[in-house]
Amino acid sequence: NPVAGLPVNFNVFEYTCQSKTIEMNWETISELNCDRYEVEFSRDALDYHQAITVNGNGTSTNPSNYRVSLAKTPDLNYIRLRQIDFNGESVYYGPFSVLCESTDIVIYPNPARNETYLVCPSSKQEATLEIYDNNGSLVYKALHDFKKSAMATLDLSELKAGVYTVKVISPDETSVQLIVKE
């Protein structure tokens, strides 16, 4: 069932870089009064432009899949999804960095408050995500399948303000990044 106050519950939100396009895919678990989605893009994550509109499925408790194709441009560095209800109210999801050429792990926003996103565009395997505090104690651990989605959400809501070490451990390599929790 849709969660009270949340018009859409997402299961998947991902993109795939092709030679001339970016293929976006999202799946909702449920929708409540969903009229449409607008995909917006930006060069700087400040000034957004509408790229495409996709009809929503009204009210549904069944999974719905959406797929759009966007032409690659120099201005397409960030994307966000605007979900609009039948009554005109809207909610933004994102922004999400679009990393087609990069092989590095990116964590944003950093510094972060309650959650942050870890993007690993080149990985095609499962990885263990670990966060350690400044004493070296493990404070967060999760498994993420980068074959299914290049982006993982890290829940920081239970962590105190400070600097943390994030480790991404895959069968082939281990990457380490620092993150600041505000």
C-alpha atoms as a PDB file:
ATOM      1  CA  ASN A   1       0.000   0.000   0.000  1.00  0.00           C
ATOM      2  CA  PRO A   2       1.154   3.557  -0.600  1.00  0.00           C
ATOM      3  CA  VAL A   3       2.679   5.114   2.484  1.00  0.00           C
ATOM      4  CA  ALA A   4       0.676   8.035   3.884  1.00  0.00           C
ATOM      5  CA  GLY A   5       2.173  11.314   2.709  1.00  0.00           C
ATOM      6  CA  LEU A   6       4.429   9.693   0.099  1.00  0.00           C
ATOM      7  CA  PRO A   7       2.815   9.685  -3.354  1.00  0.00           C
ATOM      8  CA  VAL A   8       5.305   7.192  -4.828  1.00  0.00           C
ATOM      9  CA  ASN A   9       7.386   4.367  -3.363  1.00  0.00           C
ATOM     10  CA  PHE A  10      10.405   3.589  -5.559  1.00  0.00           C
ATOM     11  CA  ASN A  11      12.020   0.186  -5.872  1.00  0.00           C
ATOM     12  CA  VAL A  12      14.623   1.048  -8.558  1.00  0.00           C
ATOM     13  CA  PHE A  13      15.976   4.274 -10.038  1.00  0.00           C
ATOM     14  CA  GLU A  14      18.927   3.858 -12.389  1.00  0.00           C
ATOM     15  CA  TYR A  15      20.482   4.900 -15.655  1.00  0.00           C
ATOM     16  CA  THR A  16      22.724   3.315 -18.252  1.00  0.00           C
ATOM     17  CA  CYS A  17      25.080   5.237 -20.500  1.00  0.00           C
ATOM     18  CA  GLN A  18      24.984   4.360 -24.186  1.00  0.00           C
ATOM     19  CA  SER A  19      27.119   5.882 -26.936  1.00  0.00           C
ATOM     20  CA  LYS A  20      24.686   8.744 -27.715  1.00  0.00           C
ATOM     21  CA  THR A  21      21.963   8.417 -25.080  1.00  0.00           C
ATOM     22  CA  ILE A  22      21.324   7.920 -21.401  1.00  0.00           C
ATOM     23  CA  GLU A  23      18.695   5.268 -20.739  1.00  0.00           C
ATOM     24  CA  MET A  24      16.766   5.917 -17.520  1.00  0.00           C
ATOM     25  CA  ASN A  25      14.706   3.274 -15.783  1.00  0.00           C
ATOM     26  CA  TRP A  26      12.642   3.482 -12.616  1.00  0.00           C
ATOM     27  CA  GLU A  27      10.211   1.143 -10.951  1.00  0.00           C
ATOM     28  CA  THR A  28       7.602   2.084  -8.400  1.00  0.00           C
ATOM     29  CA  ILE A  29       6.163  -0.314  -5.848  1.00  0.00           C
ATOM     30  CA  SER A  30       3.061   1.840  -5.438  1.00  0.00           C
ATOM     31  CA  GLU A  31       1.664   5.172  -6.617  1.00  0.00           C
ATOM     32  CA  LEU A  32      -0.976   7.427  -5.083  1.00  0.00           C
ATOM     33  CA  ASN A  33      -2.812   9.906  -7.366  1.00  0.00           C
ATOM     34  CA  CYS A  34       0.214  10.044  -9.688  1.00  0.00           C
ATOM     35  CA  ASP A  35      -0.602  12.093 -12.798  1.00  0.00           C
ATOM     36  CA  ARG A  36       2.844  12.275 -14.404  1.00  0.00           C
ATOM     37  CA  TYR A  37       6.619  12.400 -14.055  1.00  0.00           C
ATOM     38  CA  GLU A  38       8.880  15.073 -15.468  1.00  0.00           C
ATOM     39  CA  VAL A  39      12.541  14.235 -16.020  1.00  0.00           C
ATOM     40  CA  GLU A  40      14.704  17.338 -15.604  1.00  0.00           C
ATOM     41  CA  PHE A  41      18.408  17.844 -16.308  1.00  0.00           C
ATOM     42  CA  SER A  42      21.041  20.343 -15.232  1.00  0.00           C
ATOM     43  CA  ARG A  43      24.675  21.214 -15.800  1.00  0.00           C
ATOM     44  CA  ASP A  44      25.244  22.545 -12.248  1.00  0.00           C
ATOM     45  CA  ALA A  45      22.474  20.973 -10.066  1.00  0.00           C
ATOM     46  CA  LEU A  46      20.989  24.462  -9.628  1.00  0.00           C
ATOM     47  CA  ASP A  47      19.276  25.426 -12.891  1.00  0.00           C
ATOM     48  CA  TYR A  48      17.073  22.612 -14.255  1.00  0.00           C
ATOM     49  CA  HIS A  49      15.365  22.153 -17.619  1.00  0.00           C
ATOM     50  CA  GLN A  50      12.538  19.750 -18.404  1.00  0.00           C
ATOM     51  CA  ALA A  51      13.587  16.982 -20.778  1.00  0.00           C
ATOM     52  CA  ILE A  52      10.563  14.701 -21.032  1.00  0.00           C
ATOM     53  CA  THR A  53       7.150  14.007 -19.476  1.00  0.00           C
ATOM     54  CA  VAL A  54       5.883  10.481 -18.758  1.00  0.00           C
ATOM     55  CA  ASN A  55       2.315   9.639 -17.715  1.00  0.00           C
ATOM     56  CA  GLY A  56       1.921   8.153 -14.236  1.00  0.00           C
ATOM     57  CA  ASN A  57      -0.417   5.308 -13.292  1.00  0.00           C
ATOM     58  CA  GLY A  58      -2.805   7.147 -10.977  1.00  0.00           C
ATOM     59  CA  THR A  59      -3.269   5.053  -7.863  1.00  0.00           C
ATOM     60  CA  SER A  60      -1.750   1.596  -7.987  1.00  0.00           C
ATOM     61  CA  THR A  61      -0.433  -0.952  -5.516  1.00  0.00           C
ATOM     62  CA  ASN A  62       1.204  -2.943  -8.327  1.00  0.00           C
ATOM     63  CA  PRO A  63       4.771  -2.379  -9.536  1.00  0.00           C
ATOM     64  CA  SER A  64       5.070  -0.006 -12.498  1.00  0.00           C
ATOM     65  CA  ASN A  65       8.106   0.262 -14.769  1.00  0.00           C
ATOM     66  CA  TYR A  66       9.161   3.408 -16.592  1.00  0.00           C
ATOM     67  CA  ARG A  67      11.907   3.857 -19.198  1.00  0.00           C
ATOM     68  CA  VAL A  68      13.042   6.976 -21.034  1.00  0.00           C
ATOM     69  CA  SER A  69      15.931   7.786 -23.341  1.00  0.00           C
ATOM     70  CA  LEU A  70      17.738  11.141 -23.160  1.00  0.00           C
ATOM     71  CA  ALA A  71      20.263  12.433 -25.672  1.00  0.00           C
ATOM     72  CA  LYS A  72      23.721  12.944 -24.137  1.00  0.00           C
ATOM     73  CA  THR A  73      24.638  16.616 -23.995  1.00  0.00           C
ATOM     74  CA  PRO A  74      27.308  18.632 -22.164  1.00  0.00           C
ATOM     75  CA  ASP A  75      24.499  20.073 -20.001  1.00  0.00           C
ATOM     76  CA  LEU A  76      23.345  16.667 -18.766  1.00  0.00           C
ATOM     77  CA  ASN A  77      25.417  16.326 -15.595  1.00  0.00           C
ATOM     78  CA  TYR A  78      22.539  15.932 -13.141  1.00  0.00           C
ATOM     79  CA  ILE A  79      19.034  14.555 -13.434  1.00  0.00           C
ATOM     80  CA  ARG A  80      16.063  14.674 -11.129  1.00  0.00           C
ATOM     81  CA  LEU A  81      12.559  13.314 -11.283  1.00  0.00           C
ATOM     82  CA  ARG A  82       9.521  15.442 -10.508  1.00  0.00           C
ATOM     83  CA  GLN A  83       6.383  13.464  -9.637  1.00  0.00           C
ATOM     84  CA  ILE A  84       3.161  15.442 -10.043  1.00  0.00           C
ATOM     85  CA  ASP A  85      -0.189  14.456  -8.512  1.00  0.00           C
ATOM     86  CA  PHE A  86      -3.594  15.012 -10.136  1.00  0.00           C
ATOM     87  CA  ASN A  87      -4.119  18.000  -7.798  1.00  0.00           C
ATOM     88  CA  GLY A  88      -0.912  19.693  -9.039  1.00  0.00           C
ATOM     89  CA  GLU A  89       1.212  19.008  -5.948  1.00  0.00           C
ATOM     90  CA  SER A  90       4.675  17.707  -6.728  1.00  0.00           C
ATOM     91  CA  VAL A  91       7.660  16.012  -5.124  1.00  0.00           C
ATOM     92  CA  TYR A  92      11.257  15.993  -6.395  1.00  0.00           C
ATOM     93  CA  TYR A  93      13.460  12.895  -6.284  1.00  0.00           C
ATOM     94  CA  GLY A  94      17.153  13.582  -6.708  1.00  0.00           C
ATOM     95  CA  PRO A  95      19.260  15.203  -7.987  1.00  0.00           C
ATOM     96  CA  PHE A  96      21.404  12.343  -9.213  1.00  0.00           C
ATOM     97  CA  SER A  97      24.826  12.748 -10.811  1.00  0.00           C
ATOM     98  CA  VAL A  98      25.158  11.392 -14.322  1.00  0.00           C
ATOM     99  CA  LEU A  99      28.595   9.794 -14.623  1.00  0.00           C
ATOM    100  CA  CYS A 100      29.109   8.172 -17.994  1.00  0.00           C
ATOM    101  CA  GLU A 101      32.845   8.466 -18.484  1.00  0.00           C
ATOM    102  CA  SER A 102      34.031   8.231 -14.900  1.00  0.00           C
ATOM    103  CA  THR A 103      35.303   5.072 -13.267  1.00  0.00           C
ATOM    104  CA  ASP A 104      35.703   6.628  -9.827  1.00  0.00           C
ATOM    105  CA  ILE A 105      33.406   6.248  -6.868  1.00  0.00           C
ATOM    106  CA  VAL A 106      31.529   9.443  -6.096  1.00  0.00           C
ATOM    107  CA  ILE A 107      29.751  10.211  -2.828  1.00  0.00           C
ATOM    108  CA  TYR A 108      27.321  13.127  -2.746  1.00  0.00           C
ATOM    109  CA  PRO A 109      26.272  15.216  -1.056  1.00  0.00           C
ATOM    110  CA  ASN A 110      29.411  15.370   1.050  1.00  0.00           C
ATOM    111  CA  PRO A 111      29.110  16.758   3.729  1.00  0.00           C
ATOM    112  CA  ALA A 112      25.736  15.091   4.283  1.00  0.00           C
ATOM    113  CA  ARG A 113      23.001  15.104   6.902  1.00  0.00           C
ATOM    114  CA  ASN A 114      20.706  12.047   6.963  1.00  0.00           C
ATOM    115  CA  GLU A 115      21.603  10.226   3.768  1.00  0.00           C
ATOM    116  CA  THR A 116      24.064  10.332   0.948  1.00  0.00           C
ATOM    117  CA  TYR A 117      24.465   8.567  -2.369  1.00  0.00           C
ATOM    118  CA  LEU A 118      27.385   6.427  -3.445  1.00  0.00           C
ATOM    119  CA  VAL A 119      27.780   6.107  -7.221  1.00  0.00           C
ATOM    120  CA  CYS A 120      30.052   3.483  -8.729  1.00  0.00           C
ATOM    121  CA  PRO A 121      29.412   3.645 -12.490  1.00  0.00           C
ATOM    122  CA  SER A 122      32.086   1.200 -13.598  1.00  0.00           C
ATOM    123  CA  SER A 123      31.312  -1.644 -11.203  1.00  0.00           C
ATOM    124  CA  LYS A 124      29.288  -4.567 -12.496  1.00  0.00           C
ATOM    125  CA  GLN A 125      29.214  -6.675  -9.350  1.00  0.00           C
ATOM    126  CA  GLU A 126      28.028  -6.893  -5.774  1.00  0.00           C
ATOM    127  CA  ALA A 127      29.984  -5.017  -3.135  1.00  0.00           C
ATOM    128  CA  THR A 128      29.930  -4.653   0.626  1.00  0.00           C
ATOM    129  CA  LEU A 129      29.571  -1.055   1.799  1.00  0.00           C
ATOM    130  CA  GLU A 130      31.085  -0.302   5.200  1.00  0.00           C
ATOM    131  CA  ILE A 131      31.323   2.911   7.199  1.00  0.00           C
ATOM    132  CA  TYR A 132      33.839   3.284  10.035  1.00  0.00           C
ATOM    133  CA  ASP A 133      33.996   6.041  12.655  1.00  0.00           C
ATOM    134  CA  ASN A 134      37.231   7.853  13.568  1.00  0.00           C
ATOM    135  CA  ASN A 135      37.994   5.135  16.161  1.00  0.00           C
ATOM    136  CA  GLY A 136      37.952   2.464  13.453  1.00  0.00           C
ATOM    137  CA  SER A 137      34.674   0.932  14.652  1.00  0.00           C
ATOM    138  CA  LEU A 138      32.256  -0.417  12.039  1.00  0.00           C
ATOM    139  CA  VAL A 139      29.065   1.670  12.286  1.00  0.00           C
ATOM    140  CA  TYR A 140      27.265   0.723   9.040  1.00  0.00           C
ATOM    141  CA  LYS A 141      27.321  -2.288   6.738  1.00  0.00           C
ATOM    142  CA  ALA A 142      25.219  -3.143   3.689  1.00  0.00           C
ATOM    143  CA  LEU A 143      25.424  -5.208   0.532  1.00  0.00           C
ATOM    144  CA  HIS A 144      24.684  -3.499  -2.795  1.00  0.00           C
ATOM    145  CA  ASP A 145      24.402  -5.059  -6.238  1.00  0.00           C
ATOM    146  CA  PHE A 146      25.975  -2.572  -8.658  1.00  0.00           C
ATOM    147  CA  LYS A 147      24.882  -4.804 -11.547  1.00  0.00           C
ATOM    148  CA  LYS A 148      21.302  -3.687 -10.827  1.00  0.00           C
ATOM    149  CA  SER A 149      21.954  -0.039  -9.954  1.00  0.00           C
ATOM    150  CA  ALA A 150      25.098   2.108 -10.133  1.00  0.00           C
ATOM    151  CA  MET A 151      23.876   4.107  -7.122  1.00  0.00           C
ATOM    152  CA  ALA A 152      23.495   3.078  -3.475  1.00  0.00           C
ATOM    153  CA  THR A 153      21.836   5.152  -0.749  1.00  0.00           C
ATOM    154  CA  LEU A 154      23.720   5.302   2.556  1.00  0.00           C
ATOM    155  CA  ASP A 155      21.573   5.980   5.634  1.00  0.00           C
ATOM    156  CA  LEU A 156      23.511   8.312   7.956  1.00  0.00           C
ATOM    157  CA  SER A 157      20.604   9.269  10.210  1.00  0.00           C
ATOM    158  CA  GLU A 158      21.881   7.267  13.208  1.00  0.00           C
ATOM    159  CA  LEU A 159      25.457   8.567  12.980  1.00  0.00           C
ATOM    160  CA  LYS A 160      26.847  11.455  15.021  1.00  0.00           C
ATOM    161  CA  ALA A 161      28.417  14.458  13.321  1.00  0.00           C
ATOM    162  CA  GLY A 162      32.002  13.759  12.294  1.00  0.00           C
ATOM    163  CA  VAL A 163      34.321  12.308   9.663  1.00  0.00           C
ATOM    164  CA  TYR A 164      33.810   8.699   8.567  1.00  0.00           C
ATOM    165  CA  THR A 165      35.619   6.267   6.288  1.00  0.00           C
ATOM    166  CA  VAL A 166      33.541   4.552   3.613  1.00  0.00           C
ATOM    167  CA  LYS A 167      34.855   1.272   2.182  1.00  0.00           C
ATOM    168  CA  VAL A 168      33.480  -0.335  -0.963  1.00  0.00           C
ATOM    169  CA  ILE A 169      34.661  -3.940  -0.959  1.00  0.00           C
ATOM    170  CA  SER A 170      34.182  -6.009  -4.101  1.00  0.00           C
ATOM    171  CA  PRO A 171      35.806  -9.286  -5.169  1.00  0.00           C
ATOM    172  CA  ASP A 172      38.243  -7.352  -7.392  1.00  0.00           C
ATOM    173  CA  GLU A 173      39.157  -4.326  -5.288  1.00  0.00           C
ATOM    174  CA  THR A 174      38.541  -2.205  -2.215  1.00  0.00           C
ATOM    175  CA  SER A 175      37.984   1.541  -2.527  1.00  0.00           C
ATOM    176  CA  VAL A 176      38.125   3.978   0.381  1.00  0.00           C
ATOM    177  CA  GLN A 177      36.544   7.439   0.602  1.00  0.00           C
ATOM    178  CA  LEU A 178      35.945   9.910   3.435  1.00  0.00           C
ATOM    179  CA  ILE A 179      32.569  11.396   4.216  1.00  0.00           C
ATOM    180  CA  VAL A 180      31.554  14.164   6.596  1.00  0.00           C
ATOM    181  CA  LYS A 181      28.319  13.808   8.574  1.00  0.00           C
ATOM    182  CA  GLU A 182      26.900  17.181   9.617  1.00  0.00           C
END
